[in-house]
Amino acid sequence: MKTQMPRGCAFMHEIDVRGLQAPFPILKIRRALAAMEPGIKIKAIADDPALIADLPAFCQQAGHRLIMAHQQGSQLIFELERGARQADLNVTEALQEAS
């Protein structure tokens, strides 16, 4: 059975980065967003408290939109929307930038 999304509603993907420490959650989120079309939303589930500061900064730098962030126990849940522009860094450059 195919689920139809309401008109104007973007599909939301989920990415689980629990257990990863900076800079790896951002790198996985960045890779997921890079594979998507602008306007697509993702839900990221994490447990690294560094993402509270790192993810908004990443979104601003890369042109994505942080829609929502909240904490459920030890889990951090973020909703992001893929922006129109994408930073032109490959994984090697991103690792160098993060260090």
PDB file of N, CA and C in Angstrom:
ATOM      1  N   MET A   1       0.835  -1.176   0.000  1.00  0.00           N
ATOM      2  CA  MET A   1       0.000   0.000   0.000  1.00  0.00           C
ATOM      3  C   MET A   1       0.883   1.243   0.000  1.00  0.00           C
ATOM      4  N   LYS A   2       0.593   2.185  -0.849  1.00  0.00           N
ATOM      5  CA  LYS A   2       1.369   3.413  -0.967  1.00  0.00           C
ATOM      6  C   LYS A   2       0.722   4.505  -0.134  1.00  0.00           C
ATOM      7  N   THR A   3       1.528   5.210   0.647  1.00  0.00           N
ATOM      8  CA  THR A   3       1.016   6.326   1.426  1.00  0.00           C
ATOM      9  C   THR A   3       1.169   7.598   0.620  1.00  0.00           C
ATOM     10  N   GLN A   4       0.096   8.364   0.509  1.00  0.00           N
ATOM     11  CA  GLN A   4       0.168   9.625  -0.204  1.00  0.00           C
ATOM     12  C   GLN A   4       0.321  10.752   0.801  1.00  0.00           C
ATOM     13  N   MET A   5       1.244  11.639   0.498  1.00  0.00           N
ATOM     14  CA  MET A   5       1.476  12.795   1.351  1.00  0.00           C
ATOM     15  C   MET A   5       0.574  13.924   0.895  1.00  0.00           C
ATOM     16  N   PRO A   6       0.068  14.734   1.836  1.00  0.00           N
ATOM     17  CA  PRO A   6      -0.720  15.892   1.437  1.00  0.00           C
ATOM     18  C   PRO A   6       0.100  16.809   0.539  1.00  0.00           C
ATOM     19  N   ARG A   7      -0.569  17.500  -0.370  1.00  0.00           N
ATOM     20  CA  ARG A   7       0.107  18.410  -1.299  1.00  0.00           C
ATOM     21  C   ARG A   7       0.914  19.442  -0.507  1.00  0.00           C
ATOM     22  N   GLY A   8       2.156  19.686  -0.924  1.00  0.00           N
ATOM     23  CA  GLY A   8       3.007  20.666  -0.254  1.00  0.00           C
ATOM     24  C   GLY A   8       3.727  20.110   0.968  1.00  0.00           C
ATOM     25  N   CYS A   9       3.522  18.851   1.285  1.00  0.00           N
ATOM     26  CA  CYS A   9       4.163  18.241   2.454  1.00  0.00           C
ATOM     27  C   CYS A   9       5.360  17.427   1.989  1.00  0.00           C
ATOM     28  N   ALA A  10       6.509  17.681   2.574  1.00  0.00           N
ATOM     29  CA  ALA A  10       7.728  16.956   2.200  1.00  0.00           C
ATOM     30  C   ALA A  10       7.860  15.701   3.054  1.00  0.00           C
ATOM     31  N   PHE A  11       8.344  14.636   2.474  1.00  0.00           N
ATOM     32  CA  PHE A  11       8.561  13.392   3.193  1.00  0.00           C
ATOM     33  C   PHE A  11       9.661  13.568   4.228  1.00  0.00           C
ATOM     34  N   MET A  12       9.498  12.963   5.396  1.00  0.00           N
ATOM     35  CA  MET A  12      10.516  13.077   6.432  1.00  0.00           C
ATOM     36  C   MET A  12      11.270  11.757   6.580  1.00  0.00           C
ATOM     37  N   HIS A  13      12.573  11.825   6.433  1.00  0.00           N
ATOM     38  CA  HIS A  13      13.447  10.686   6.655  1.00  0.00           C
ATOM     39  C   HIS A  13      13.945  10.752   8.098  1.00  0.00           C
ATOM     40  N   GLU A  14      14.374   9.625   8.618  1.00  0.00           N
ATOM     41  CA  GLU A  14      14.905   9.583   9.984  1.00  0.00           C
ATOM     42  C   GLU A  14      16.332   9.062   9.946  1.00  0.00           C
ATOM     43  N   ILE A  15      17.190   9.712  10.737  1.00  0.00           N
ATOM     44  CA  ILE A  15      18.577   9.276  10.856  1.00  0.00           C
ATOM     45  C   ILE A  15      18.906   9.156  12.339  1.00  0.00           C
ATOM     46  N   ASP A  16      19.471   8.032  12.714  1.00  0.00           N
ATOM     47  CA  ASP A  16      19.806   7.761  14.111  1.00  0.00           C
ATOM     48  C   ASP A  16      21.321   7.871  14.271  1.00  0.00           C
ATOM     49  N   VAL A  17      21.760   8.867  15.019  1.00  0.00           N
ATOM     50  CA  VAL A  17      23.192   9.060  15.253  1.00  0.00           C
ATOM     51  C   VAL A  17      23.537   8.868  16.731  1.00  0.00           C
ATOM     52  N   ARG A  18      22.674   8.154  17.436  1.00  0.00           N
ATOM     53  CA  ARG A  18      22.960   7.862  18.852  1.00  0.00           C
ATOM     54  C   ARG A  18      24.218   7.020  18.962  1.00  0.00           C
ATOM     55  N   GLY A  19      24.997   7.305  19.984  1.00  0.00           N
ATOM     56  CA  GLY A  19      26.237   6.575  20.206  1.00  0.00           C
ATOM     57  C   GLY A  19      27.440   7.190  19.518  1.00  0.00           C
ATOM     58  N   LEU A  20      27.209   8.175  18.672  1.00  0.00           N
ATOM     59  CA  LEU A  20      28.316   8.850  17.988  1.00  0.00           C
ATOM     60  C   LEU A  20      28.647  10.161  18.689  1.00  0.00           C
ATOM     61  N   GLN A  21      29.922  10.491  18.729  1.00  0.00           N
ATOM     62  CA  GLN A  21      30.379  11.733  19.337  1.00  0.00           C
ATOM     63  C   GLN A  21      30.913  12.659  18.243  1.00  0.00           C
ATOM     64  N   ALA A  22      30.903  13.953  18.521  1.00  0.00           N
ATOM     65  CA  ALA A  22      31.347  14.976  17.568  1.00  0.00           C
ATOM     66  C   ALA A  22      32.730  14.607  17.026  1.00  0.00           C
ATOM     67  N   PRO A  23      32.931  14.784  15.745  1.00  0.00           N
ATOM     68  CA  PRO A  23      32.109  15.447  14.733  1.00  0.00           C
ATOM     69  C   PRO A  23      31.222  14.500  13.933  1.00  0.00           C
ATOM     70  N   PHE A  24      31.177  13.207  14.293  1.00  0.00           N
ATOM     71  CA  PHE A  24      30.530  12.203  13.463  1.00  0.00           C
ATOM     72  C   PHE A  24      29.018  12.359  13.301  1.00  0.00           C
ATOM     73  N   PRO A  25      28.255  12.798  14.314  1.00  0.00           N
ATOM     74  CA  PRO A  25      26.822  13.017  14.057  1.00  0.00           C
ATOM     75  C   PRO A  25      26.579  14.054  12.959  1.00  0.00           C
ATOM     76  N   ILE A  26      27.319  15.159  12.988  1.00  0.00           N
ATOM     77  CA  ILE A  26      27.159  16.193  11.965  1.00  0.00           C
ATOM     78  C   ILE A  26      27.538  15.647  10.589  1.00  0.00           C
ATOM     79  N   LEU A  27      28.601  14.865  10.514  1.00  0.00           N
ATOM     80  CA  LEU A  27      29.029  14.308   9.225  1.00  0.00           C
ATOM     81  C   LEU A  27      27.974  13.371   8.643  1.00  0.00           C
ATOM     82  N   LYS A  28      27.356  12.543   9.492  1.00  0.00           N
ATOM     83  CA  LYS A  28      26.306  11.640   9.003  1.00  0.00           C
ATOM     84  C   LYS A  28      25.071  12.421   8.582  1.00  0.00           C
ATOM     85  N   ILE A  29      24.713  13.441   9.352  1.00  0.00           N
ATOM     86  CA  ILE A  29      23.557  14.278   9.010  1.00  0.00           C
ATOM     87  C   ILE A  29      23.837  15.018   7.707  1.00  0.00           C
ATOM     88  N   ARG A  30      25.028  15.544   7.578  1.00  0.00           N
ATOM     89  CA  ARG A  30      25.418  16.264   6.358  1.00  0.00           C
ATOM     90  C   ARG A  30      25.316  15.343   5.146  1.00  0.00           C
ATOM     91  N   ARG A  31      25.826  14.121   5.257  1.00  0.00           N
ATOM     92  CA  ARG A  31      25.781  13.153   4.157  1.00  0.00           C
ATOM     93  C   ARG A  31      24.329  12.823   3.789  1.00  0.00           C
ATOM     94  N   ALA A  32      23.480  12.640   4.796  1.00  0.00           N
ATOM     95  CA  ALA A  32      22.066  12.339   4.531  1.00  0.00           C
ATOM     96  C   ALA A  32      21.394  13.498   3.802  1.00  0.00           C
ATOM     97  N   LEU A  33      21.638  14.721   4.250  1.00  0.00           N
ATOM     98  CA  LEU A  33      21.034  15.893   3.614  1.00  0.00           C
ATOM     99  C   LEU A  33      21.544  16.077   2.189  1.00  0.00           C
ATOM    100  N   ALA A  34      22.815  15.796   1.963  1.00  0.00           N
ATOM    101  CA  ALA A  34      23.402  15.959   0.631  1.00  0.00           C
ATOM    102  C   ALA A  34      22.756  15.033  -0.390  1.00  0.00           C
ATOM    103  N   ALA A  35      22.233  13.907   0.070  1.00  0.00           N
ATOM    104  CA  ALA A  35      21.618  12.939  -0.833  1.00  0.00           C
ATOM    105  C   ALA A  35      20.152  13.261  -1.128  1.00  0.00           C
ATOM    106  N   MET A  36      19.630  14.330  -0.545  1.00  0.00           N
ATOM    107  CA  MET A  36      18.213  14.664  -0.673  1.00  0.00           C
ATOM    108  C   MET A  36      18.004  15.919  -1.499  1.00  0.00           C
ATOM    109  N   GLU A  37      16.795  16.063  -1.968  1.00  0.00           N
ATOM    110  CA  GLU A  37      16.389  17.259  -2.702  1.00  0.00           C
ATOM    111  C   GLU A  37      16.054  18.371  -1.714  1.00  0.00           C
ATOM    112  N   PRO A  38      16.212  19.637  -2.117  1.00  0.00           N
ATOM    113  CA  PRO A  38      15.812  20.751  -1.255  1.00  0.00           C
ATOM    114  C   PRO A  38      14.347  20.625  -0.837  1.00  0.00           C
ATOM    115  N   GLY A  39      14.082  20.987   0.410  1.00  0.00           N
ATOM    116  CA  GLY A  39      12.724  20.927   0.943  1.00  0.00           C
ATOM    117  C   GLY A  39      12.397  19.647   1.681  1.00  0.00           C
ATOM    118  N   ILE A  40      13.209  18.604   1.494  1.00  0.00           N
ATOM    119  CA  ILE A  40      12.978  17.343   2.196  1.00  0.00           C
ATOM    120  C   ILE A  40      13.380  17.513   3.654  1.00  0.00           C
ATOM    121  N   LYS A  41      12.611  16.909   4.537  1.00  0.00           N
ATOM    122  CA  LYS A  41      12.872  17.020   5.975  1.00  0.00           C
ATOM    123  C   LYS A  41      13.439  15.722   6.516  1.00  0.00           C
ATOM    124  N   ILE A  42      14.304  15.867   7.526  1.00  0.00           N
ATOM    125  CA  ILE A  42      14.793  14.694   8.243  1.00  0.00           C
ATOM    126  C   ILE A  42      14.604  14.900   9.732  1.00  0.00           C
ATOM    127  N   LYS A  43      14.465  13.790  10.402  1.00  0.00           N
ATOM    128  CA  LYS A  43      14.417  13.766  11.862  1.00  0.00           C
ATOM    129  C   LYS A  43      15.700  13.079  12.301  1.00  0.00           C
ATOM    130  N   ALA A  44      16.498  13.768  13.105  1.00  0.00           N
ATOM    131  CA  ALA A  44      17.754  13.205  13.600  1.00  0.00           C
ATOM    132  C   ALA A  44      17.598  12.906  15.083  1.00  0.00           C
ATOM    133  N   ILE A  45      17.957  11.698  15.471  1.00  0.00           N
ATOM    134  CA  ILE A  45      17.899  11.283  16.871  1.00  0.00           C
ATOM    135  C   ILE A  45      19.339  11.101  17.337  1.00  0.00           C
ATOM    136  N   ALA A  46      19.698  11.801  18.403  1.00  0.00           N
ATOM    137  CA  ALA A  46      21.084  11.803  18.869  1.00  0.00           C
ATOM    138  C   ALA A  46      21.127  11.731  20.391  1.00  0.00           C
ATOM    139  N   ASP A  47      22.345  11.544  20.911  1.00  0.00           N
ATOM    140  CA  ASP A  47      22.537  11.606  22.359  1.00  0.00           C
ATOM    141  C   ASP A  47      23.807  12.366  22.737  1.00  0.00           C
ATOM    142  N   ASP A  48      24.440  12.993  21.757  1.00  0.00           N
ATOM    143  CA  ASP A  48      25.637  13.789  22.016  1.00  0.00           C
ATOM    144  C   ASP A  48      25.225  15.233  22.318  1.00  0.00           C
ATOM    145  N   PRO A  49      25.418  15.705  23.563  1.00  0.00           N
ATOM    146  CA  PRO A  49      25.009  17.059  23.929  1.00  0.00           C
ATOM    147  C   PRO A  49      25.693  18.153  23.106  1.00  0.00           C
ATOM    148  N   ALA A  50      26.811  17.849  22.456  1.00  0.00           N
ATOM    149  CA  ALA A  50      27.500  18.846  21.627  1.00  0.00           C
ATOM    150  C   ALA A  50      26.623  19.287  20.452  1.00  0.00           C
ATOM    151  N   LEU A  51      25.681  18.439  20.034  1.00  0.00           N
ATOM    152  CA  LEU A  51      24.811  18.790  18.910  1.00  0.00           C
ATOM    153  C   LEU A  51      23.894  19.967  19.228  1.00  0.00           C
ATOM    154  N   ILE A  52      23.643  20.231  20.492  1.00  0.00           N
ATOM    155  CA  ILE A  52      22.789  21.358  20.865  1.00  0.00           C
ATOM    156  C   ILE A  52      23.363  22.658  20.322  1.00  0.00           C
ATOM    157  N   ALA A  53      24.675  22.790  20.319  1.00  0.00           N
ATOM    158  CA  ALA A  53      25.327  23.980  19.751  1.00  0.00           C
ATOM    159  C   ALA A  53      25.783  23.743  18.315  1.00  0.00           C
ATOM    160  N   ASP A  54      26.250  22.541  18.016  1.00  0.00           N
ATOM    161  CA  ASP A  54      26.839  22.256  16.705  1.00  0.00           C
ATOM    162  C   ASP A  54      25.821  22.235  15.569  1.00  0.00           C
ATOM    163  N   LEU A  55      24.643  21.657  15.797  1.00  0.00           N
ATOM    164  CA  LEU A  55      23.687  21.505  14.713  1.00  0.00           C
ATOM    165  C   LEU A  55      23.115  22.832  14.224  1.00  0.00           C
ATOM    166  N   PRO A  56      22.718  23.754  15.113  1.00  0.00           N
ATOM    167  CA  PRO A  56      22.265  25.064  14.599  1.00  0.00           C
ATOM    168  C   PRO A  56      23.355  25.789  13.807  1.00  0.00           C
ATOM    169  N   ALA A  57      24.590  25.711  14.258  1.00  0.00           N
ATOM    170  CA  ALA A  57      25.697  26.354  13.542  1.00  0.00           C
ATOM    171  C   ALA A  57      25.898  25.705  12.173  1.00  0.00           C
ATOM    172  N   PHE A  58      25.840  24.390  12.123  1.00  0.00           N
ATOM    173  CA  PHE A  58      25.965  23.680  10.846  1.00  0.00           C
ATOM    174  C   PHE A  58      24.852  24.090   9.886  1.00  0.00           C
ATOM    175  N   CYS A  59      23.612  24.106  10.375  1.00  0.00           N
ATOM    176  CA  CYS A  59      22.471  24.468   9.516  1.00  0.00           C
ATOM    177  C   CYS A  59      22.630  25.876   8.960  1.00  0.00           C
ATOM    178  N   GLN A  60      23.046  26.793   9.792  1.00  0.00           N
ATOM    179  CA  GLN A  60      23.225  28.170   9.336  1.00  0.00           C
ATOM    180  C   GLN A  60      24.320  28.240   8.273  1.00  0.00           C
ATOM    181  N   GLN A  61      25.429  27.573   8.500  1.00  0.00           N
ATOM    182  CA  GLN A  61      26.557  27.591   7.568  1.00  0.00           C
ATOM    183  C   GLN A  61      26.214  26.911   6.250  1.00  0.00           C
ATOM    184  N   ALA A  62      25.454  25.829   6.301  1.00  0.00           N
ATOM    185  CA  ALA A  62      25.185  25.039   5.102  1.00  0.00           C
ATOM    186  C   ALA A  62      23.890  25.436   4.391  1.00  0.00           C
ATOM    187  N   GLY A  63      23.109  26.317   4.995  1.00  0.00           N
ATOM    188  CA  GLY A  63      21.886  26.766   4.341  1.00  0.00           C
ATOM    189  C   GLY A  63      20.677  25.879   4.564  1.00  0.00           C
ATOM    190  N   HIS A  64      20.716  25.058   5.612  1.00  0.00           N
ATOM    191  CA  HIS A  64      19.573  24.213   5.960  1.00  0.00           C
ATOM    192  C   HIS A  64      18.760  24.921   7.048  1.00  0.00           C
ATOM    193  N   ARG A  65      17.566  24.393   7.335  1.00  0.00           N
ATOM    194  CA  ARG A  65      16.720  25.022   8.346  1.00  0.00           C
ATOM    195  C   ARG A  65      16.484  24.047   9.486  1.00  0.00           C
ATOM    196  N   LEU A  66      16.815  24.481  10.704  1.00  0.00           N
ATOM    197  CA  LEU A  66      16.510  23.706  11.903  1.00  0.00           C
ATOM    198  C   LEU A  66      15.096  24.086  12.310  1.00  0.00           C
ATOM    199  N   ILE A  67      14.178  23.163  12.176  1.00  0.00           N
ATOM    200  CA  ILE A  67      12.767  23.437  12.430  1.00  0.00           C
ATOM    201  C   ILE A  67      12.437  23.268  13.897  1.00  0.00           C
ATOM    202  N   MET A  68      12.956  22.224  14.516  1.00  0.00           N
ATOM    203  CA  MET A  68      12.590  21.894  15.883  1.00  0.00           C
ATOM    204  C   MET A  68      13.720  21.130  16.552  1.00  0.00           C
ATOM    205  N   ALA A  69      13.855  21.352  17.843  1.00  0.00           N
ATOM    206  CA  ALA A  69      14.803  20.587  18.657  1.00  0.00           C
ATOM    207  C   ALA A  69      14.183  20.390  20.031  1.00  0.00           C
ATOM    208  N   HIS A  70      14.224  19.179  20.531  1.00  0.00           N
ATOM    209  CA  HIS A  70      13.779  18.943  21.905  1.00  0.00           C
ATOM    210  C   HIS A  70      14.464  17.704  22.471  1.00  0.00           C
ATOM    211  N   GLN A  71      14.348  17.571  23.770  1.00  0.00           N
ATOM    212  CA  GLN A  71      15.004  16.477  24.471  1.00  0.00           C
ATOM    213  C   GLN A  71      13.948  15.576  25.092  1.00  0.00           C
ATOM    214  N   GLN A  72      14.099  14.271  24.925  1.00  0.00           N
ATOM    215  CA  GLN A  72      13.267  13.261  25.556  1.00  0.00           C
ATOM    216  C   GLN A  72      14.199  12.364  26.350  1.00  0.00           C
ATOM    217  N   GLY A  73      14.274  12.577  27.633  1.00  0.00           N
ATOM    218  CA  GLY A  73      15.216  11.821  28.444  1.00  0.00           C
ATOM    219  C   GLY A  73      16.629  12.135  27.999  1.00  0.00           C
ATOM    220  N   SER A  74      17.383  11.101  27.636  1.00  0.00           N
ATOM    221  CA  SER A  74      18.759  11.315  27.174  1.00  0.00           C
ATOM    222  C   SER A  74      18.835  11.517  25.660  1.00  0.00           C
ATOM    223  N   GLN A  75      17.698  11.394  24.977  1.00  0.00           N
ATOM    224  CA  GLN A  75      17.688  11.551  23.523  1.00  0.00           C
ATOM    225  C   GLN A  75      17.431  12.996  23.122  1.00  0.00           C
ATOM    226  N   LEU A  76      18.150  13.426  22.105  1.00  0.00           N
ATOM    227  CA  LEU A  76      17.940  14.733  21.494  1.00  0.00           C
ATOM    228  C   LEU A  76      17.294  14.479  20.141  1.00  0.00           C
ATOM    229  N   ILE A  77      16.213  15.195  19.861  1.00  0.00           N
ATOM    230  CA  ILE A  77      15.488  14.997  18.617  1.00  0.00           C
ATOM    231  C   ILE A  77      15.453  16.323  17.864  1.00  0.00           C
ATOM    232  N   PHE A  78      15.913  16.272  16.623  1.00  0.00           N
ATOM    233  CA  PHE A  78      15.994  17.462  15.777  1.00  0.00           C
ATOM    234  C   PHE A  78      15.209  17.206  14.495  1.00  0.00           C
ATOM    235  N   GLU A  79      14.527  18.225  14.018  1.00  0.00           N
ATOM    236  CA  GLU A  79      13.882  18.167  12.721  1.00  0.00           C
ATOM    237  C   GLU A  79      14.526  19.239  11.860  1.00  0.00           C
ATOM    238  N   LEU A  80      15.019  18.825  10.695  1.00  0.00           N
ATOM    239  CA  LEU A  80      15.723  19.733   9.786  1.00  0.00           C
ATOM    240  C   LEU A  80      15.098  19.673   8.402  1.00  0.00           C
ATOM    241  N   GLU A  81      15.251  20.762   7.672  1.00  0.00           N
ATOM    242  CA  GLU A  81      14.815  20.796   6.278  1.00  0.00           C
ATOM    243  C   GLU A  81      16.012  21.094   5.395  1.00  0.00           C
ATOM    244  N   ARG A  82      16.168  20.284   4.359  1.00  0.00           N
ATOM    245  CA  ARG A  82      17.278  20.459   3.413  1.00  0.00           C
ATOM    246  C   ARG A  82      17.117  21.790   2.695  1.00  0.00           C
ATOM    247  N   GLY A  83      18.136  22.617   2.757  1.00  0.00           N
ATOM    248  CA  GLY A  83      18.111  23.919   2.115  1.00  0.00           C
ATOM    249  C   GLY A  83      18.413  23.827   0.630  1.00  0.00           C
ATOM    250  N   ALA A  84      18.290  24.958  -0.035  1.00  0.00           N
ATOM    251  CA  ALA A  84      18.525  25.017  -1.475  1.00  0.00           C
ATOM    252  C   ALA A  84      20.001  24.906  -1.820  1.00  0.00           C
ATOM    253  N   ARG A  85      20.865  25.397  -0.940  1.00  0.00           N
ATOM    254  CA  ARG A  85      22.293  25.299  -1.224  1.00  0.00           C
ATOM    255  C   ARG A  85      22.916  24.271  -0.296  1.00  0.00           C
ATOM    256  N   GLN A  86      23.989  23.700  -0.732  1.00  0.00           N
ATOM    257  CA  GLN A  86      24.695  22.680   0.040  1.00  0.00           C
ATOM    258  C   GLN A  86      26.172  23.045   0.037  1.00  0.00           C
ATOM    259  N   ALA A  87      26.787  22.991   1.189  1.00  0.00           N
ATOM    260  CA  ALA A  87      28.223  23.265   1.252  1.00  0.00           C
ATOM    261  C   ALA A  87      28.958  22.263   0.374  1.00  0.00           C
ATOM    262  N   ASP A  88      29.946  22.721  -0.345  1.00  0.00           N
ATOM    263  CA  ASP A  88      30.672  21.893  -1.295  1.00  0.00           C
ATOM    264  C   ASP A  88      31.909  21.276  -0.659  1.00  0.00           C
ATOM    265  N   LEU A  89      31.715  20.563   0.410  1.00  0.00           N
ATOM    266  CA  LEU A  89      32.837  19.891   1.062  1.00  0.00           C
ATOM    267  C   LEU A  89      32.649  18.395   0.941  1.00  0.00           C
ATOM    268  N   ASN A  90      33.715  17.691   0.659  1.00  0.00           N
ATOM    269  CA  ASN A  90      33.614  16.247   0.699  1.00  0.00           C
ATOM    270  C   ASN A  90      33.913  15.786   2.127  1.00  0.00           C
ATOM    271  N   VAL A  91      33.805  14.504   2.385  1.00  0.00           N
ATOM    272  CA  VAL A  91      33.973  13.993   3.746  1.00  0.00           C
ATOM    273  C   VAL A  91      35.364  14.288   4.289  1.00  0.00           C
ATOM    274  N   THR A  92      36.405  14.151   3.466  1.00  0.00           N
ATOM    275  CA  THR A  92      37.770  14.431   3.916  1.00  0.00           C
ATOM    276  C   THR A  92      37.906  15.893   4.340  1.00  0.00           C
ATOM    277  N   GLU A  93      37.383  16.808   3.523  1.00  0.00           N
ATOM    278  CA  GLU A  93      37.443  18.231   3.876  1.00  0.00           C
ATOM    279  C   GLU A  93      36.631  18.502   5.139  1.00  0.00           C
ATOM    280  N   ALA A  94      35.482  17.841   5.294  1.00  0.00           N
ATOM    281  CA  ALA A  94      34.654  18.049   6.470  1.00  0.00           C
ATOM    282  C   ALA A  94      35.376  17.595   7.734  1.00  0.00           C
ATOM    283  N   LEU A  95      36.096  16.464   7.650  1.00  0.00           N
ATOM    284  CA  LEU A  95      36.862  15.986   8.815  1.00  0.00           C
ATOM    285  C   LEU A  95      37.974  16.968   9.157  1.00  0.00           C
ATOM    286  N   GLN A  96      38.648  17.527   8.145  1.00  0.00           N
ATOM    287  CA  GLN A  96      39.706  18.503   8.391  1.00  0.00           C
ATOM    288  C   GLN A  96      39.119  19.758   9.000  1.00  0.00           C
ATOM    289  N   GLU A  97      37.948  20.181   8.508  1.00  0.00           N
ATOM    290  CA  GLU A  97      37.284  21.370   9.025  1.00  0.00           C
ATOM    291  C   GLU A  97      36.865  21.179  10.471  1.00  0.00           C
ATOM    292  N   ALA A  98      36.434  19.961  10.815  1.00  0.00           N
ATOM    293  CA  ALA A  98      35.940  19.694  12.161  1.00  0.00           C
ATOM    294  C   ALA A  98      37.056  19.594  13.196  1.00  0.00           C
ATOM    295  N   SER A  99      38.287  19.357  12.758  1.00  0.00           N
ATOM    296  CA  SER A  99      39.382  19.200  13.735  1.00  0.00           C
ATOM    297  C   SER A  99      40.110  20.502  14.002  1.00  0.00           C
TER     298      SER A  99
END
